[in-house]
Amino acid sequence: MKLPVCCLLAIALSSVMCAVLDQRILKLTEVMKELNLLNRGVQHNGLRLSTPTSDVEECCALKALSCFRENLQLLPAANKRHQHKLTKSLKSQMIVNSVNTCSQEETQNATCPRCDSFPKRDSREFVRELESLLQKTYSRLVERED
C-alpha cells in the first residue's frame, strides 16, 4: 500500500517541478522578447554603461542582474513602457530564482564586483551582455528539464 502512494507522490512532485521549470522557461522567453523590443527602440548614441560581462562568476549572477536592472533605466529608449516592463520583469522572483544557481551561503561568500566597477561599454554591448546572461540561464533551465 505504501509503495503505490509513494510512486504517485513522486509522479505528482515530478509534474509540479516540470511545470515550474516550464513557467521559468516561458518567463525567460518573454523577457528576452521584451529586451529585443526595447533594443529596437533604443537610440544607441555612444552612451557607455557599467556592463557585467558573460564571464561573471556564477554566484555573482544576481549582482550582475541587479547591475543590468539599474543601468537599464539609463538607456535612451523611445518607448519607456517597454523599458519599465523589462525592468519590472527582471525584478520578478521567477527571473531572480532562475538566474541564481548558488545557495544563499555561496552567494554571500562570493566576492562580486560592485556595479560601477564593471567595464563601461556602449549601449549595444550592454544589451548583448544582458541577452547573454538571460540566454545562459535559459539554456541551463532547458538542460535541466531534459
Protein backbone atom coordinates (compact mmCIF):
# COMPACT_ATOMS: atom_id res chain seq x y z
CA MET A 1 0.00 0.00 0.00
CA LYS A 2 2.83 2.44 0.84
CA LEU A 3 4.74 1.84 -2.41
CA PRO A 4 1.89 2.89 -4.75
CA VAL A 5 1.28 6.01 -2.66
CA CYS A 6 4.99 6.88 -2.77
CA CYS A 7 5.07 6.32 -6.53
CA LEU A 8 2.03 8.56 -7.05
CA LEU A 9 3.55 11.21 -4.82
CA ALA A 10 6.84 11.07 -6.77
CA ILE A 11 4.98 11.41 -10.08
CA ALA A 12 2.95 14.34 -8.75
CA LEU A 13 6.06 16.13 -7.45
CA SER A 14 7.85 15.49 -10.73
CA SER A 15 4.94 17.02 -12.63
CA VAL A 16 4.95 20.08 -10.37
CA MET A 17 8.70 20.56 -10.84
CA CYS A 18 8.34 20.30 -14.63
CA ALA A 19 5.53 22.85 -14.52
CA VAL A 20 7.70 25.26 -12.52
CA LEU A 21 10.59 24.81 -14.96
CA ASP A 22 8.20 25.34 -17.88
CA GLN A 23 6.96 28.59 -16.27
CA ARG A 24 10.51 29.81 -15.78
CA ILE A 25 11.40 28.99 -19.38
CA LEU A 26 8.29 30.80 -20.64
CA LYS A 27 9.05 33.83 -18.45
CA LEU A 28 12.64 33.96 -19.68
CA THR A 29 11.42 33.74 -23.28
CA GLU A 30 9.03 36.61 -22.59
CA VAL A 31 11.80 38.70 -21.00
CA MET A 32 14.14 38.09 -23.96
CA LYS A 33 11.38 39.25 -26.32
CA GLU A 34 10.89 42.37 -24.18
CA LEU A 35 14.62 43.04 -24.38
CA ASN A 36 14.52 42.65 -28.17
CA LEU A 37 11.59 45.11 -28.40
CA LEU A 38 13.36 47.59 -26.17
CA ASN A 39 16.61 47.27 -28.12
CA ARG A 40 14.86 48.13 -31.38
CA GLY A 41 13.69 51.41 -29.86
CA VAL A 42 16.95 52.42 -28.17
CA GLN A 43 18.84 55.30 -29.71
CA HIS A 44 22.34 53.84 -29.49
CA ASN A 45 24.27 57.09 -29.38
CA GLY A 46 27.54 56.12 -27.73
CA LEU A 47 26.22 56.05 -24.17
CA ARG A 48 28.56 53.95 -22.03
CA LEU A 49 27.17 51.89 -19.16
CA SER A 50 28.64 49.64 -16.49
CA THR A 51 28.28 46.25 -18.14
CA PRO A 52 28.70 42.90 -16.39
CA THR A 53 30.40 40.50 -18.75
CA SER A 54 29.38 36.96 -19.59
CA ASP A 55 32.36 35.60 -17.66
CA VAL A 56 30.98 36.84 -14.33
CA GLU A 57 31.37 34.28 -11.55
CA GLU A 58 28.29 32.04 -11.27
CA CYS A 59 27.50 33.09 -7.70
CA CYS A 60 27.68 36.74 -8.78
CA ALA A 61 24.95 36.39 -11.40
CA LEU A 62 22.37 38.07 -9.13
CA LYS A 63 24.68 41.06 -8.65
CA ALA A 64 25.14 41.21 -12.41
CA LEU A 65 21.37 41.09 -12.94
CA SER A 66 20.93 43.87 -10.41
CA CYS A 67 23.53 45.97 -12.22
CA PHE A 68 21.76 45.44 -15.54
CA ARG A 69 18.46 46.48 -13.93
CA GLU A 70 19.98 49.68 -12.52
CA ASN A 71 21.59 50.68 -15.80
CA LEU A 72 18.62 49.71 -17.93
CA GLN A 73 16.91 52.89 -16.77
CA LEU A 74 19.70 54.94 -18.35
CA LEU A 75 19.15 53.62 -21.87
CA PRO A 76 17.72 56.27 -24.18
CA ALA A 77 14.64 54.26 -25.14
CA ALA A 78 11.97 55.61 -27.45
CA ASN A 79 9.33 53.54 -25.67
CA LYS A 80 9.59 53.95 -21.91
CA ARG A 81 6.77 51.43 -21.43
CA HIS A 82 8.98 48.61 -22.78
CA GLN A 83 11.81 49.83 -20.59
CA HIS A 84 9.64 49.86 -17.46
CA LYS A 85 8.12 46.45 -18.25
CA LEU A 86 11.55 44.88 -18.78
CA THR A 87 12.90 46.38 -15.55
CA LYS A 88 9.91 45.04 -13.66
CA SER A 89 10.31 41.60 -15.26
CA LEU A 90 13.97 41.46 -14.27
CA LYS A 91 12.89 42.06 -10.66
CA SER A 92 10.35 39.22 -10.73
CA GLN A 93 11.02 36.39 -8.31
CA MET A 94 10.81 33.88 -11.14
CA ILE A 95 13.66 35.53 -13.05
CA VAL A 96 15.73 36.11 -9.92
CA ASN A 97 15.33 32.46 -8.91
CA SER A 98 16.20 31.32 -12.43
CA VAL A 99 19.39 33.37 -12.59
CA ASN A 100 20.52 32.36 -9.11
CA THR A 101 22.15 28.93 -9.08
CA CYS A 102 24.01 29.25 -5.79
CA SER A 103 22.94 28.73 -2.23
CA GLN A 104 22.46 31.77 -0.03
CA GLU A 105 25.72 30.97 1.76
CA GLU A 106 27.65 30.61 -1.53
CA THR A 107 26.24 33.91 -2.76
CA GLN A 108 27.20 35.68 0.48
CA ASN A 109 30.73 34.23 0.36
CA ALA A 110 31.30 35.15 -3.28
CA THR A 111 33.49 38.15 -3.98
CA CYS A 112 31.43 40.03 -6.53
CA PRO A 113 32.43 43.31 -8.14
CA ARG A 114 30.32 46.39 -7.50
CA CYS A 115 28.22 47.56 -10.40
CA ASP A 116 30.31 50.65 -11.02
CA SER A 117 33.48 48.55 -11.23
CA PHE A 118 32.32 46.65 -14.32
CA PRO A 119 33.79 47.96 -17.58
CA LYS A 120 31.91 50.77 -19.29
CA ARG A 121 30.60 49.56 -22.62
CA ASP A 122 28.39 51.15 -25.22
CA SER A 123 24.64 50.56 -25.09
CA ARG A 124 24.69 47.92 -27.84
CA GLU A 125 27.23 45.84 -25.94
CA PHE A 126 25.25 46.37 -22.73
CA VAL A 127 22.14 44.89 -24.36
CA ARG A 128 24.15 41.99 -25.84
CA GLU A 129 25.63 41.11 -22.45
CA LEU A 130 22.22 41.21 -20.75
CA GLU A 131 20.88 39.00 -23.51
CA SER A 132 23.82 36.64 -22.98
CA LEU A 133 23.07 36.32 -19.25
CA LEU A 134 19.41 35.57 -19.98
CA GLN A 135 20.32 33.11 -22.75
CA LYS A 136 22.78 31.28 -20.48
CA THR A 137 20.05 31.00 -17.82
CA TYR A 138 17.55 29.79 -20.42
CA SER A 139 19.96 27.13 -21.72
CA ARG A 140 20.67 25.89 -18.21
CA LEU A 141 16.94 25.54 -17.46
CA VAL A 142 16.25 23.72 -20.73
CA GLU A 143 19.09 21.29 -19.98
CA ARG A 144 17.68 20.68 -16.51
CA GLU A 145 14.27 19.93 -17.99
CA ASP A 146 15.62 17.16 -20.26
